[in-house]
Protein backbone atom coordinates (compact mmCIF):
# COMPACT_ATOMS: atom_id res chain seq x y z
CA MET A 1 17.61 11.00 -0.64
CA ASP A 2 18.40 10.77 3.07
CA PHE A 3 15.45 9.32 5.00
CA VAL A 4 16.86 9.90 8.51
CA THR A 5 16.25 13.58 9.15
CA ALA A 6 18.27 15.73 11.53
CA SER A 7 15.48 15.56 14.12
CA ILE A 8 15.28 11.74 13.91
CA ALA A 9 19.05 11.60 14.46
CA ASP A 10 18.67 14.01 17.39
CA HIS A 11 16.01 11.81 19.01
CA LEU A 12 18.30 8.78 18.71
CA SER A 13 21.23 10.72 20.16
CA PHE A 14 19.09 11.86 23.10
CA LEU A 15 18.03 8.29 23.84
CA TYR A 16 21.28 6.44 23.26
CA GLY A 17 24.15 8.92 23.24
CA GLU A 18 26.02 10.21 20.23
CA GLU A 19 27.92 7.06 19.23
CA ARG A 20 25.13 4.50 19.70
CA GLY A 21 22.60 6.99 18.33
CA ALA A 22 24.61 7.52 15.16
CA ASN A 23 24.94 3.76 14.67
CA ALA A 24 21.16 3.34 15.14
CA ALA A 25 20.53 6.19 12.68
CA SER A 26 22.62 4.45 10.04
CA ARG A 27 20.66 1.23 10.44
CA LEU A 28 17.33 3.07 10.54
CA GLU A 29 18.24 4.68 7.20
CA GLY A 30 18.18 1.20 5.68
CA LEU A 31 14.81 0.37 7.23
CA LEU A 32 13.29 3.62 5.98
CA ARG A 33 14.73 3.15 2.50
CA GLU A 34 13.23 -0.34 2.35
CA ALA A 35 9.86 1.01 3.54
CA SER A 36 9.83 3.93 1.10
CA THR A 37 7.37 2.16 -1.20
CA LEU A 38 4.70 2.64 1.47
CA ARG A 39 4.53 6.36 0.64
CA SER A 40 3.06 5.70 -2.78
CA SER A 41 0.78 2.80 -1.81
CA PRO A 42 -1.80 4.05 0.72
CA PRO A 43 -4.74 1.77 1.60
CA PRO A 44 -7.92 2.33 -0.43
CA THR A 45 -9.64 3.81 2.65
CA ALA A 46 -6.95 6.44 3.38
CA ARG A 47 -8.57 9.90 3.42
CA PRO A 48 -9.09 12.75 5.91
CA VAL A 49 -11.40 11.90 8.82
CA THR A 50 -14.89 13.43 8.97
CA GLN A 51 -18.07 13.15 11.02
CA ARG A 52 -18.88 10.01 9.03
CA ASP A 53 -16.02 8.11 10.66
CA ALA A 54 -16.75 5.66 13.45
CA MET A 55 -14.59 2.82 14.74
CA LEU A 56 -15.69 -0.65 15.80
CA ILE A 57 -13.59 -2.38 18.49
CA ALA A 58 -13.68 -6.17 18.07
CA TYR A 59 -11.72 -9.32 18.78
CA PRO A 60 -10.50 -11.31 15.75
CA ASP A 61 -12.66 -14.21 16.98
CA GLN A 62 -15.53 -12.02 18.20
CA LEU A 63 -17.90 -14.12 16.11
CA HIS A 64 -17.56 -17.73 15.07
CA GLU A 65 -19.35 -20.16 12.79
CA PRO A 66 -18.54 -23.73 11.77
CA GLY A 67 -15.96 -24.19 9.04
CA LYS A 68 -15.12 -20.51 8.58
CA ALA A 69 -12.20 -18.35 9.74
CA PRO A 70 -13.44 -15.98 12.49
CA LEU A 71 -11.85 -12.99 10.73
CA ALA A 72 -13.90 -13.76 7.63
CA THR A 73 -17.02 -14.17 9.77
CA LEU A 74 -16.43 -10.79 11.40
CA LYS A 75 -15.98 -9.09 8.03
CA ALA A 76 -19.14 -10.67 6.63
CA PHE A 77 -21.15 -9.54 9.68
CA VAL A 78 -19.92 -5.93 9.57
CA ASP A 79 -20.37 -5.78 5.79
CA ARG A 80 -23.95 -6.98 6.14
CA GLN A 81 -25.08 -5.15 9.26
CA ALA A 82 -22.93 -2.06 9.74
CA ARG A 83 -21.10 -1.07 6.55
CA GLU A 84 -22.99 2.25 6.37
CA ILE A 85 -22.10 3.30 9.93
CA ILE A 86 -18.63 1.80 10.57
CA THR A 87 -15.57 3.07 8.67
CA ALA A 88 -12.74 1.70 10.84
CA ILE A 89 -12.17 -1.55 12.73
CA HIS A 90 -9.84 -1.78 15.69
CA LEU A 91 -8.92 -5.42 15.43
CA LEU A 92 -7.68 -6.49 18.86
CA PRO A 93 -4.45 -8.55 18.75
CA PHE A 94 -4.74 -11.29 16.13
CA PHE A 95 -1.23 -12.67 16.68
CA PRO A 96 -0.33 -15.93 18.44
CA SER A 97 -0.50 -15.22 22.17
CA SER A 98 -0.19 -17.06 25.46
CA SER A 99 -2.58 -15.04 27.68
CA ASP A 100 -4.56 -11.83 28.26
CA ASP A 101 -6.79 -12.42 25.23
CA GLY A 102 -4.01 -11.63 22.79
CA PHE A 103 -1.89 -9.09 24.66
CA ALA A 104 0.89 -11.56 25.52
CA VAL A 105 2.22 -11.85 21.97
CA THR A 106 4.42 -14.84 21.11
CA ASP A 107 4.97 -13.87 17.45
CA TYR A 108 4.48 -10.30 16.21
CA LEU A 109 4.50 -11.16 12.51
CA GLU A 110 2.09 -14.08 12.26
CA VAL A 111 -1.70 -14.28 12.31
CA ASP A 112 -2.93 -16.86 14.79
CA PRO A 113 -4.23 -19.65 12.49
CA ARG A 114 -7.25 -20.02 14.78
CA TYR A 115 -8.43 -16.64 13.45
CA GLY A 116 -7.43 -16.83 9.79
CA THR A 117 -4.56 -15.55 7.66
CA TRP A 118 -2.98 -12.29 6.54
CA ASP A 119 -5.29 -12.48 3.53
CA ASP A 120 -8.27 -12.26 5.91
CA VAL A 121 -6.70 -9.27 7.62
CA ARG A 122 -6.07 -7.55 4.29
CA ALA A 123 -9.66 -8.22 3.21
CA LEU A 124 -10.87 -6.19 6.18
CA ALA A 125 -8.51 -3.37 5.20
CA GLU A 126 -10.10 -3.15 1.75
CA ASN A 127 -13.39 -1.86 3.17
CA TYR A 128 -12.40 -0.33 6.51
CA ARG A 129 -9.55 1.63 8.03
CA LEU A 130 -7.69 -1.17 9.81
CA VAL A 131 -6.45 -0.37 13.31
CA VAL A 132 -3.65 -2.77 14.30
CA ASP A 133 -2.66 -3.28 17.93
CA ALA A 134 1.07 -2.71 18.37
CA VAL A 135 1.85 -4.33 21.73
CA LEU A 136 5.08 -2.43 22.30
CA ASN A 137 5.61 -2.60 26.05
CA HIS A 138 5.90 -6.35 26.57
CA ALA A 139 6.10 -9.76 24.91
CA SER A 140 5.07 -13.22 26.04
CA ALA A 141 7.16 -15.18 28.54
CA ARG A 142 6.33 -18.21 26.38
CA GLY A 143 7.42 -16.77 23.05
CA ARG A 144 10.46 -17.34 20.85
CA TRP A 145 12.10 -14.08 21.87
CA PHE A 146 11.97 -14.88 25.56
CA ALA A 147 13.18 -18.44 24.98
CA GLY A 148 16.27 -16.98 23.28
CA PHE A 149 16.69 -14.56 26.18
CA LEU A 150 16.63 -17.42 28.69
CA ARG A 151 19.35 -19.20 26.69
CA GLY A 152 21.44 -16.01 26.65
CA GLU A 153 21.49 -15.89 22.85
CA ASP A 154 21.84 -12.83 20.63
CA PRO A 155 19.94 -10.77 19.77
CA TRP A 156 17.27 -11.76 22.29
CA ARG A 157 19.36 -11.52 25.42
CA GLY A 158 19.17 -7.74 25.14
CA TYR A 159 15.46 -7.55 24.35
CA PHE A 160 14.02 -7.87 27.88
CA LEU A 161 14.34 -5.75 30.97
CA THR A 162 16.31 -7.13 33.92
CA PRO A 163 16.14 -4.51 36.70
CA ASP A 164 19.11 -3.65 38.88
CA PRO A 165 18.10 -5.24 42.21
CA PHE A 166 19.99 -2.55 44.16
CA ALA A 167 18.39 0.43 42.41
CA ASP A 168 15.55 2.50 43.85
CA TRP A 169 12.26 1.32 42.32
CA SER A 170 10.06 2.52 45.19
CA ARG A 171 8.27 5.19 43.12
CA VAL A 172 7.18 2.94 40.25
CA VAL A 173 3.53 3.46 39.25
CA ARG A 174 1.67 0.55 37.70
CA PRO A 175 -1.88 -0.70 37.10
CA ARG A 176 -1.70 -4.09 38.82
CA THR A 177 -1.26 -5.65 42.25
CA SER A 178 0.88 -8.57 40.99
CA SER A 179 4.65 -8.58 41.55
CA LEU A 180 6.57 -5.98 39.54
CA PHE A 181 9.56 -8.32 39.18
CA THR A 182 9.28 -12.01 38.34
CA PRO A 183 12.11 -14.44 39.23
CA ILE A 184 13.31 -16.70 36.42
CA GLU A 185 16.00 -19.28 35.71
CA THR A 186 18.33 -18.51 32.81
CA ALA A 187 21.26 -20.39 31.31
CA ALA A 188 23.51 -18.05 33.30
CA GLY A 189 21.64 -18.61 36.58
CA PRO A 190 18.71 -17.05 38.48
CA ALA A 191 17.55 -13.56 37.54
CA SER A 192 14.47 -11.33 37.61
CA VAL A 193 12.56 -9.68 34.78
CA TRP A 194 10.27 -6.67 34.79
CA THR A 195 6.58 -7.60 34.49
CA THR A 196 4.32 -4.54 34.61
CA PHE A 197 1.12 -6.39 33.74
CA SER A 198 1.60 -10.09 34.57
CA PRO A 199 4.34 -12.73 34.92
CA ASP A 200 3.47 -13.87 31.38
CA GLN A 201 4.04 -10.39 29.91
CA VAL A 202 7.70 -9.40 30.17
CA ASP A 203 8.62 -5.77 29.55
CA LEU A 204 10.83 -5.01 26.57
CA ASN A 205 14.08 -3.09 26.89
CA TYR A 206 13.94 0.13 24.87
CA ALA A 207 17.29 1.22 26.30
CA ASN A 208 18.58 -1.23 23.67
CA PRO A 209 18.44 0.43 20.21
CA ASP A 210 18.47 -3.02 18.58
CA LEU A 211 15.06 -3.73 20.13
CA LEU A 212 13.71 -0.35 19.00
CA LEU A 213 14.78 -0.95 15.39
CA VAL A 214 13.18 -4.40 15.40
CA MET A 215 9.89 -2.93 16.62
CA ILE A 216 9.99 -0.17 13.98
CA GLY A 217 10.44 -2.86 11.34
CA ILE A 218 7.41 -4.67 12.75
CA LEU A 219 5.30 -1.49 12.56
CA PHE A 220 6.29 -1.09 8.91
CA GLU A 221 5.21 -4.67 8.24
CA TYR A 222 1.77 -3.97 9.75
CA LEU A 223 1.43 -1.04 7.33
CA ARG A 224 2.47 -3.24 4.40
CA ARG A 225 -0.17 -5.79 5.41
CA GLY A 226 -3.06 -3.31 5.33
CA GLY A 227 -2.80 -1.51 8.66
CA GLN A 228 -3.57 2.19 8.47
CA TRP A 229 -3.83 3.27 12.10
CA LEU A 230 -1.43 1.83 14.70
CA ARG A 231 -2.70 1.60 18.27
CA LEU A 232 0.32 1.82 20.56
CA ASP A 233 -0.63 -0.24 23.59
CA ALA A 234 0.50 0.85 27.09
CA VAL A 235 3.10 3.26 25.72
CA GLY A 236 3.39 5.26 28.94
CA PHE A 237 5.45 2.46 30.50
CA LEU A 238 8.05 2.03 27.74
CA TRP A 239 11.10 3.51 29.50
CA LYS A 240 12.32 2.80 33.02
CA GLU A 241 14.75 4.78 35.16
CA PRO A 242 15.62 4.22 38.87
CA GLY A 243 14.25 6.77 41.29
CA THR A 244 11.31 7.69 39.01
CA THR A 245 7.71 6.59 38.53
CA CYS A 246 8.81 4.87 35.29
CA LEU A 247 5.69 6.39 33.71
CA HIS A 248 5.58 9.19 31.09
CA LEU A 249 9.33 9.73 31.32
CA PRO A 250 11.03 12.23 28.97
CA GLN A 251 12.61 9.29 27.15
CA THR A 252 9.14 7.82 26.54
CA HIS A 253 7.96 11.04 24.93
CA ARG A 254 11.13 11.16 22.82
CA LEU A 255 10.41 7.61 21.68
CA LEU A 256 6.93 8.75 20.60
CA CYS A 257 8.41 11.75 18.76
CA LEU A 258 10.77 9.38 17.00
CA LEU A 259 8.04 6.89 16.04
CA ARG A 260 5.80 9.72 14.80
CA GLU A 261 8.50 11.15 12.55
CA VAL A 262 9.59 7.75 11.30
CA VAL A 263 5.99 6.87 10.36
CA ASP A 264 5.45 10.29 8.78
CA VAL A 265 8.54 9.76 6.61
CA ALA A 266 7.71 6.17 5.62
CA ALA A 267 3.90 6.32 5.35
CA PRO A 268 2.45 9.84 5.75
CA TRP A 269 -1.07 8.39 5.42
CA ALA A 270 -0.64 6.26 8.58
CA ARG A 271 -1.73 7.42 12.04
CA LEU A 272 -0.49 6.67 15.57
CA ILE A 273 -2.96 6.24 18.44
CA THR A 274 -1.64 6.24 22.01
CA GLU A 275 -3.34 4.12 24.67
CA THR A 276 -2.56 5.66 28.08
CA ASN A 277 -5.17 4.98 30.75
CA VAL A 278 -4.04 7.82 33.03
CA THR A 279 -5.11 11.26 34.21
CA HIS A 280 -6.32 13.64 31.52
CA ALA A 281 -3.31 15.96 31.77
CA ASP A 282 -0.85 13.08 31.36
CA ASN A 283 -2.97 11.58 28.60
CA VAL A 284 -3.17 14.67 26.36
CA ALA A 285 0.59 15.19 26.81
CA TYR A 286 0.95 12.40 24.23
CA PHE A 287 -0.17 14.82 21.53
CA GLY A 288 3.29 16.29 22.14
CA GLY A 289 2.25 19.65 20.76
CA GLY A 290 1.54 17.96 17.44
CA HIS A 291 4.78 15.93 17.34
CA GLU A 292 3.67 12.65 18.95
CA ALA A 293 0.29 10.91 18.59
CA HIS A 294 -2.15 11.73 15.81
CA MET A 295 -4.93 10.44 18.08
CA VAL A 296 -5.22 10.09 21.85
CA TYR A 297 -7.88 8.07 23.67
CA GLN A 298 -10.00 10.44 25.74
CA PHE A 299 -9.99 8.19 28.80
CA ALA A 300 -11.72 10.53 31.25
CA LEU A 301 -14.83 10.78 29.09
CA ALA A 302 -16.22 7.27 29.69
CA PRO A 303 -16.23 7.28 33.52
CA LEU A 304 -17.59 10.83 33.53
CA ILE A 305 -20.50 9.94 31.23
CA VAL A 306 -21.29 6.83 33.26
CA HIS A 307 -21.15 8.82 36.51
CA THR A 308 -23.43 11.46 34.98
CA LEU A 309 -26.12 8.98 34.02
CA ILE A 310 -26.11 6.86 37.17
CA SER A 311 -26.02 9.88 39.49
CA GLY A 312 -28.28 12.08 37.36
CA ASN A 313 -25.86 14.94 37.87
CA ALA A 314 -24.03 16.38 34.86
CA ALA A 315 -22.02 18.98 36.79
CA ALA A 316 -18.70 17.08 36.79
CA LEU A 317 -18.94 16.26 33.08
CA THR A 318 -19.86 19.86 32.24
CA ALA A 319 -16.98 21.25 34.30
CA TRP A 320 -14.48 18.87 32.70
CA ALA A 321 -15.76 19.52 29.16
CA SER A 322 -15.52 23.26 29.80
CA ARG A 323 -11.80 22.91 30.48
CA LEU A 324 -11.00 20.83 27.38
CA VAL A 325 -8.41 22.27 25.05
CA ALA A 326 -8.65 21.40 21.37
CA PRO A 327 -5.92 19.03 20.11
CA PRO A 328 -3.12 20.37 17.89
CA THR A 329 -3.87 20.88 14.21
CA GLY A 330 -4.05 17.53 12.45
CA ALA A 331 -4.70 15.60 15.66
CA CYS A 332 -7.94 14.52 17.35
CA PHE A 333 -9.38 12.63 20.28
CA LEU A 334 -10.59 9.03 20.12
CA ASN A 335 -13.77 8.85 22.23
CA PHE A 336 -15.20 5.64 23.66
CA LEU A 337 -17.54 4.35 26.38
CA ALA A 338 -16.73 0.65 26.51
CA SER A 339 -13.95 -1.60 25.31
CA HIS A 340 -12.31 -4.99 25.82
CA ASP A 341 -10.82 -3.59 29.02
CA GLY A 342 -12.71 -2.25 31.99
CA LEU A 343 -13.88 1.30 32.63
CA GLY A 344 -10.74 3.10 33.81
CA LEU A 345 -11.19 5.12 36.99
CA VAL A 346 -7.76 6.78 37.24
CA PRO A 347 -8.49 9.31 34.45
CA ALA A 348 -11.52 10.62 36.37
CA MET A 349 -9.97 10.70 39.84
CA ASP A 350 -9.23 14.43 39.61
CA CYS A 351 -12.76 15.17 38.31
CA LEU A 352 -14.91 13.11 40.69
CA THR A 353 -15.03 13.11 44.47
CA ALA A 354 -13.99 10.14 46.59
CA GLY A 355 -17.69 9.61 47.30
CA ASP A 356 -18.47 9.58 43.57
CA ILE A 357 -15.80 6.93 42.97
CA GLU A 358 -17.04 4.88 45.92
CA ARG A 359 -20.63 4.91 44.62
CA LEU A 360 -19.46 3.98 41.13
CA THR A 361 -17.35 1.07 42.37
CA ALA A 362 -20.17 -0.14 44.65
CA ARG A 363 -22.52 -0.23 41.67
CA ALA A 364 -19.89 -2.06 39.65
CA GLN A 365 -19.41 -4.68 42.36
CA ALA A 366 -23.13 -5.45 42.17
CA ARG A 367 -23.02 -5.79 38.37
CA GLY A 368 -19.59 -7.31 37.77
CA GLY A 369 -16.48 -6.35 39.70
CA VAL A 370 -13.64 -3.89 40.27
CA SER A 371 -9.89 -4.29 39.63
CA TYR A 372 -7.28 -2.69 41.87
CA ARG A 373 -3.73 -1.40 41.52
CA THR A 374 -0.80 -1.03 43.88
CA LEU A 375 -0.31 2.60 44.93
CA SER A 376 3.18 4.08 44.89
CA GLY A 377 2.87 5.02 48.56
CA GLY A 378 1.72 1.53 49.53
CA GLY A 379 -1.69 -0.09 49.69
CA VAL A 380 -4.13 -0.54 46.83
CA GLY A 381 -6.75 1.59 45.13
CA PRO A 382 -9.49 1.02 42.53
CA TYR A 383 -8.16 0.92 38.97
CA GLU A 384 -11.10 0.01 36.75
CA VAL A 385 -14.72 -1.07 36.74
CA ASN A 386 -15.22 -4.52 35.25
CA ALA A 387 -18.84 -4.60 34.15
CA ASN A 388 -20.75 -4.68 30.90
CA LEU A 389 -21.83 -1.14 30.01
CA LEU A 390 -25.51 -1.99 29.47
CA ASP A 391 -25.61 -3.82 32.81
CA LEU A 392 -23.87 -0.89 34.51
CA LEU A 393 -26.37 1.67 33.21
CA ASP A 394 -29.48 -0.48 33.60
CA GLU A 395 -31.89 0.20 36.47
CA PRO A 396 -34.57 -2.16 37.79
CA GLY A 397 -38.00 -0.87 36.84
CA ALA A 398 -36.58 1.71 34.41
CA ASP A 399 -35.60 1.72 30.77
CA GLY A 400 -31.90 0.92 30.95
CA ILE A 401 -31.70 0.89 27.18
CA GLN A 402 -32.65 4.57 27.05
CA ARG A 403 -29.91 5.47 29.54
CA PHE A 404 -27.46 3.43 27.44
CA VAL A 405 -28.55 5.19 24.23
CA THR A 406 -28.33 8.62 25.84
CA ALA A 407 -24.80 7.81 26.99
CA HIS A 408 -23.88 7.14 23.36
CA ALA A 409 -25.63 10.29 22.15
CA ILE A 410 -23.38 12.26 24.53
CA LEU A 411 -20.33 10.32 23.35
CA LEU A 412 -21.07 10.96 19.68
CA ALA A 413 -21.54 14.68 20.30
CA PHE A 414 -17.95 15.20 21.47
CA ALA A 415 -15.24 16.38 19.10
CA GLY A 416 -13.17 13.44 17.91
CA ILE A 417 -13.68 10.00 16.41
CA PRO A 418 -16.09 7.67 18.25
CA ALA A 419 -15.15 4.06 18.94
CA ILE A 420 -17.96 1.60 19.67
CA TYR A 421 -17.25 -1.75 21.30
CA PHE A 422 -18.79 -4.74 19.51
CA HIS A 423 -20.81 -5.79 22.56
CA SER A 424 -22.24 -2.28 22.85
CA LEU A 425 -23.25 -2.16 19.19
CA VAL A 426 -25.20 -5.44 19.42
CA GLY A 427 -26.66 -4.93 22.90
CA SER A 428 -24.82 -7.65 24.82
CA ARG A 429 -25.12 -8.28 28.53
CA GLY A 430 -22.19 -9.29 30.72
CA ASP A 431 -20.70 -12.78 30.83
CA PRO A 432 -20.29 -13.86 34.48
CA ALA A 433 -19.74 -17.43 33.33
CA GLY A 434 -16.65 -16.21 31.48
CA VAL A 435 -15.27 -14.69 34.66
CA GLU A 436 -15.88 -17.93 36.52
CA ARG A 437 -14.18 -19.90 33.76
CA THR A 438 -11.04 -17.72 33.42
CA GLY A 439 -10.76 -16.15 36.86
CA ALA A 440 -10.17 -12.79 35.13
CA ARG A 441 -12.52 -9.90 35.93
CA ARG A 442 -12.19 -8.45 32.43
CA SER A 443 -13.79 -11.60 31.00
CA ILE A 444 -17.15 -10.12 32.00
CA ASN A 445 -17.08 -8.13 28.76
CA ARG A 446 -15.03 -10.34 26.43
CA GLN A 447 -17.48 -13.03 25.38
CA LYS A 448 -17.06 -14.56 21.91
CA LEU A 449 -20.40 -15.25 20.23
CA PRO A 450 -21.89 -17.64 17.65
CA ALA A 451 -22.60 -15.48 14.59
CA ALA A 452 -25.87 -17.29 13.87
CA ASP A 453 -27.18 -16.50 17.37
CA VAL A 454 -26.35 -12.80 17.08
CA GLU A 455 -27.92 -12.56 13.62
CA ALA A 456 -31.06 -14.35 14.83
CA GLU A 457 -31.44 -12.10 17.89
CA LEU A 458 -30.90 -8.97 15.79
CA ALA A 459 -33.78 -10.09 13.59
CA VAL A 460 -36.28 -10.17 16.49
CA PRO A 461 -38.45 -7.00 16.42
CA GLY A 462 -38.52 -5.44 19.89
CA GLY A 463 -35.73 -7.72 21.14
CA LEU A 464 -32.87 -6.31 23.21
CA ARG A 465 -30.20 -6.60 20.54
CA ARG A 466 -32.46 -5.16 17.83
CA ARG A 467 -33.53 -2.18 19.97
CA VAL A 468 -29.95 -1.30 20.92
CA PHE A 469 -28.55 -1.80 17.43
CA ASP A 470 -31.30 0.25 15.77
CA ALA A 471 -30.85 3.08 18.26
CA LEU A 472 -27.07 3.27 17.83
CA ARG A 473 -27.37 2.93 14.07
CA HIS A 474 -29.79 5.87 14.02
CA LEU A 475 -27.39 8.00 16.05
CA LEU A 476 -24.44 7.14 13.80
CA ARG A 477 -26.42 7.73 10.60
CA VAL A 478 -27.54 11.17 11.77
CA ARG A 479 -24.06 12.02 13.03
CA GLY A 480 -22.62 11.30 9.61
CA SER A 481 -24.88 13.92 8.04
CA LEU A 482 -23.86 16.78 10.37
CA PRO A 483 -20.74 18.84 9.48
CA ALA A 484 -20.94 20.38 12.97
CA LEU A 485 -19.89 16.95 14.36
CA ASP A 486 -16.74 16.81 12.24
CA PRO A 487 -13.78 16.01 14.52
CA THR A 488 -12.32 19.46 13.84
CA ALA A 489 -15.54 21.47 14.40
CA SER A 490 -15.42 23.83 17.38
CA GLN A 491 -16.83 22.70 20.70
CA GLN A 492 -18.20 24.60 23.69
CA ALA A 493 -19.71 23.10 26.84
CA LEU A 494 -22.82 24.89 28.18
CA ASP A 495 -23.96 24.95 31.80
CA LEU A 496 -27.73 24.48 31.66
CA GLY A 497 -28.01 23.14 35.19
CA PRO A 498 -26.97 19.93 36.93
CA HIS A 499 -29.56 17.71 35.25
CA VAL A 500 -28.73 18.55 31.64
CA PHE A 501 -25.55 18.13 29.64
CA ALA A 502 -25.09 20.34 26.57
CA LEU A 503 -22.47 21.01 23.90
CA ARG A 504 -22.48 23.64 21.18
CA ARG A 505 -20.69 22.53 18.00
CA VAL A 506 -20.02 24.77 15.01
CA SER A 507 -18.65 23.55 11.68
CA ALA A 508 -16.15 25.36 9.49
CA ASP A 509 -18.97 26.34 7.13
CA GLY A 510 -21.08 27.73 9.98
CA GLN A 511 -23.54 24.94 10.84
CA GLU A 512 -24.53 25.46 14.48
CA LEU A 513 -25.61 22.41 16.45
CA PHE A 514 -26.68 22.02 20.08
CA CYS A 515 -26.33 18.52 21.56
CA VAL A 516 -28.44 18.36 24.72
CA ALA A 517 -29.24 15.42 27.00
CA GLU A 518 -31.45 15.15 30.07
CA THR A 519 -29.53 13.09 32.64
CA ALA A 520 -31.71 12.88 35.79
CA SER A 521 -34.62 10.77 34.48
CA GLN A 522 -37.09 13.62 34.80
CA SER A 523 -38.95 15.98 32.47
CA THR A 524 -37.56 19.50 32.20
CA ARG A 525 -37.27 22.50 29.91
CA VAL A 526 -34.12 24.21 28.67
CA SER A 527 -33.35 27.43 26.87
CA LEU A 528 -30.45 27.60 24.42
CA PRO A 529 -28.22 30.67 23.91
CA ALA A 530 -28.68 30.86 20.15
CA ALA A 531 -29.27 33.76 17.79
CA GLY A 532 -32.06 31.95 15.95
CA ALA A 533 -35.57 31.55 17.35
CA SER A 534 -36.10 27.96 16.28
CA GLY A 535 -34.27 24.83 15.32
CA ILE A 536 -34.74 21.27 14.15
CA ASP A 537 -34.10 18.29 16.39
CA VAL A 538 -32.51 16.02 13.80
CA LEU A 539 -32.86 12.97 16.04
CA ALA A 540 -36.59 13.33 16.62
CA LYS A 541 -37.19 15.14 13.30
CA GLU A 542 -39.21 17.94 14.86
CA THR A 543 -39.04 21.73 15.01
CA VAL A 544 -38.43 23.27 18.46
CA ARG A 545 -38.39 26.77 19.92
CA LEU A 546 -34.92 27.44 21.29
CA ASP A 547 -36.13 29.53 24.24
CA SER A 548 -38.21 26.69 25.71
CA ILE A 549 -37.33 23.14 24.71
CA ALA A 550 -39.19 20.29 26.37
CA MET A 551 -36.90 17.45 27.44
CA ALA A 552 -38.35 14.04 28.29
CA PRO A 553 -36.56 11.89 30.89
CA LEU A 554 -33.15 10.79 29.54
CA GLN A 555 -33.89 12.33 26.14
CA PRO A 556 -31.03 13.36 23.87
CA ARG A 557 -31.64 16.13 21.34
CA TRP A 558 -29.36 17.29 18.52
CA ILE A 559 -30.70 20.65 17.40
CA THR A 560 -29.58 22.52 14.31
CA VAL A 561 -30.27 26.26 14.48
CA ASN A 562 -32.44 28.01 11.90
CA HIS A 563 -30.65 31.31 11.18
CA GLU A 564 -33.20 33.71 9.72
């Protein structure tokens, strides 16, 4: 059996030319043959996704307790508190790293002993779909690979990107204000390396097929170790060409096509998730018509929901949702409100006005901070909000928890798989002391917590953590019972006025569900365009008339239609 298909060979030829592509294809054949056992050994949790699926985003050391590996502590907590509502865990980088909370990897194939072992990772994969971070764009400037590069040794001397200093890089788009190129001293003399994100994160050279094959081998190893979904970090930046933006290049999309087909051949149960914090049109391009990512983060959704609930105006969210095109067959969106990173603003720039963005960033400055990026035409612009989500949505004298819960009710209504950040699930506030300690704005939302403290606070009736956790657990439980919220169920946005957001979802077997949320903190009434006269609000467990539904301030309703 030949494992390298004609289309895989064609992708390699496109990227590297006929001769180098053919050589890479021959070597890839060996990798695929070695990985062929993956096909017949799927993880115990491998199955089609449904409305019952929800992902938890967490650091490997999110929780700690004396004398126990943090990975084991995390598993014990989720098993005890959230097993019925969480089916997947996006485990943020658990490899040895020199900075950026794990995203400057020094060794791609080892578990940082501070967190535990591969056995701890595999234990998580026994109960949950394990999402492994594949940090493809860059590696640590303090890792073994880069040390070999500095010495000029094979194979590492070809692994990192050294830009032509005379080429035109004026159009490069990037998400930081730090220097794009970092000067270094090598055994052969002074040079510069490409550093998209920081001087400690050096971009890898995918124009070198040797590097590509090494990374494919690493992806296969993650699958052998229990990974089921692979989150491809910052993939939009993988390929660089002079005179271009070096973002979303045709070669980058070919690389994604190649990785998709390689994974489909080796482990058809595995899934690729692309992380591209960019405009919606560029983001959904990574579905590749069904030939690239299985899942794409829906980056515009979070800033639009937050804008809706702090402005009270749902018009922008409704307009955007009305334009959404369903993903290709077999693919779906990954929807989230908060994560280890900030709230990206770039994806919403073509949906919100300059005034909307200014008001959002001003609010963020008062509750945390804002990060900026260098613009291709010069100057800087806002890149992301760095604030805890609960803090961002809270309002003095009002019930910020209700606004936070309503935001999640809107999130969970959208077609796709929801991802909930650990700090959102347990009702955390921001960590300004962490920002002061690290000097990094993103530390506001990256606090690591004593497990005993979290458990104790969750046990307090009426306490903040308990109220938030119970509310999100209720939403996730109900969501899991509704076929109309299956990721593949049809979706239609309804315009019920600027102070209400509404979606109509219909399952394959005909269940009709209206997900409605009041967004302006005021009582109102809505009428739904449904054939039935009445329905059941499955959140409040009450019957309602569809032609005149009372909405309390910031109330979400999920209404199934009674067809008589």
